[in-house]
Protein backbone atom coordinates (compact mmCIF):
# COMPACT_ATOMS: atom_id res chain seq x y z
CA MET A 1 29.58 43.23 60.05
CA TRP A 2 29.20 44.83 56.66
CA PHE A 3 27.53 41.78 55.06
CA GLU A 4 24.52 42.08 57.35
CA ILE A 5 23.21 44.86 55.13
CA LEU A 6 23.17 42.65 52.01
CA PRO A 7 19.70 41.09 52.51
CA SER A 8 18.10 44.50 53.04
CA ALA A 9 19.97 46.00 50.09
CA LEU A 10 18.84 43.15 47.83
CA ILE A 11 15.21 43.56 48.92
CA ILE A 12 15.30 47.30 48.26
CA THR A 13 17.01 46.81 44.89
CA ALA A 14 14.43 44.20 43.85
CA ALA A 15 11.55 46.43 44.98
CA LEU A 16 12.91 49.36 42.93
CA ALA A 17 13.64 47.23 39.85
CA PHE A 18 10.29 45.43 39.78
CA PRO A 19 8.20 48.25 38.20
CA HIS A 20 10.72 48.75 35.40
CA ALA A 21 10.96 45.06 34.60
CA SER A 22 7.22 44.53 34.80
CA ALA A 23 6.58 47.41 32.39
CA TYR A 24 8.27 45.47 29.58
CA ILE A 25 6.19 42.38 30.33
CA MET A 26 2.92 44.32 30.56
CA ASN A 27 3.64 46.20 27.32
CA TYR A 28 4.30 42.89 25.59
CA LEU A 29 1.05 41.40 26.85
CA VAL A 30 -1.08 44.48 26.08
CA PHE A 31 0.52 45.99 22.99
CA GLY A 32 2.46 43.05 21.56
CA ASN A 33 5.88 44.69 21.86
CA MET A 34 8.41 45.22 24.62
CA TYR A 35 8.52 49.01 24.56
CA ARG A 36 6.20 51.96 24.61
CA ARG A 37 6.83 55.23 22.87
CA SER A 38 6.95 58.33 24.97
CA MET A 39 4.69 61.18 23.89
CA TYR A 40 5.78 63.85 26.35
CA HIS A 41 7.29 66.17 23.75
CA MET A 42 5.71 67.47 20.56
CA GLU A 43 8.52 66.10 18.37
CA GLU A 44 7.94 62.59 19.70
CA ARG A 45 4.19 62.92 19.01
CA ARG A 46 4.91 64.00 15.44
CA GLN A 47 7.17 60.99 14.90
CA TYR A 48 4.50 58.66 16.29
CA LEU A 49 1.83 60.13 14.01
CA ARG A 50 4.19 60.02 11.01
CA ASP A 51 4.98 56.36 11.57
CA ARG A 52 1.31 55.53 12.06
CA ARG A 53 0.40 57.35 8.83
CA LEU A 54 3.20 55.82 6.72
CA THR A 55 3.40 52.25 7.99
CA LYS A 56 0.08 51.78 9.85
CA ASP A 57 2.07 50.42 12.81
CA PRO A 58 4.03 53.01 14.83
CA TYR A 59 5.77 50.35 16.92
CA LYS A 60 7.27 48.36 14.06
CA VAL A 61 10.69 49.74 13.18
CA GLN A 62 11.03 50.33 9.44
CA GLY A 63 13.59 52.15 7.36
CA LEU A 64 13.40 54.45 4.39
CA GLU A 65 11.83 51.74 2.23
CA ALA A 66 8.55 52.31 4.08
CA ILE A 67 8.31 55.90 2.85
CA PRO A 68 6.76 56.08 -0.62
CA ASP A 69 8.63 57.93 -3.35
CA GLU A 70 7.27 61.16 -4.79
CA ASP A 71 7.14 59.58 -8.29
CA ASP A 72 4.93 56.79 -6.99
CA LYS A 73 2.45 59.30 -5.58
CA GLU A 74 2.26 61.21 -8.88
CA ASN A 75 1.85 57.99 -10.91
CA GLN A 76 -0.94 56.78 -8.63
CA SER A 77 -2.83 60.07 -8.82
CA ASN A 78 -2.56 60.17 -12.64
CA ASN A 79 -4.00 56.66 -13.08
């Protein structure tokens, strides 16, 4: 009957899902977060380098408050 294919389908589904699920676990153990940034395209590399330069941690999501204001830069250079 049709249900005889279920064990094989579940084994194949588990075998295909295992690498994707284990990637999150391995990234958490190695890098301390659940995701890894892709660097295949130049725009993604620029964003990674920008976040690393501004916040010192490219994996920690921060908003506009992490970017220093232009006035702060001028005041720091004048002092």
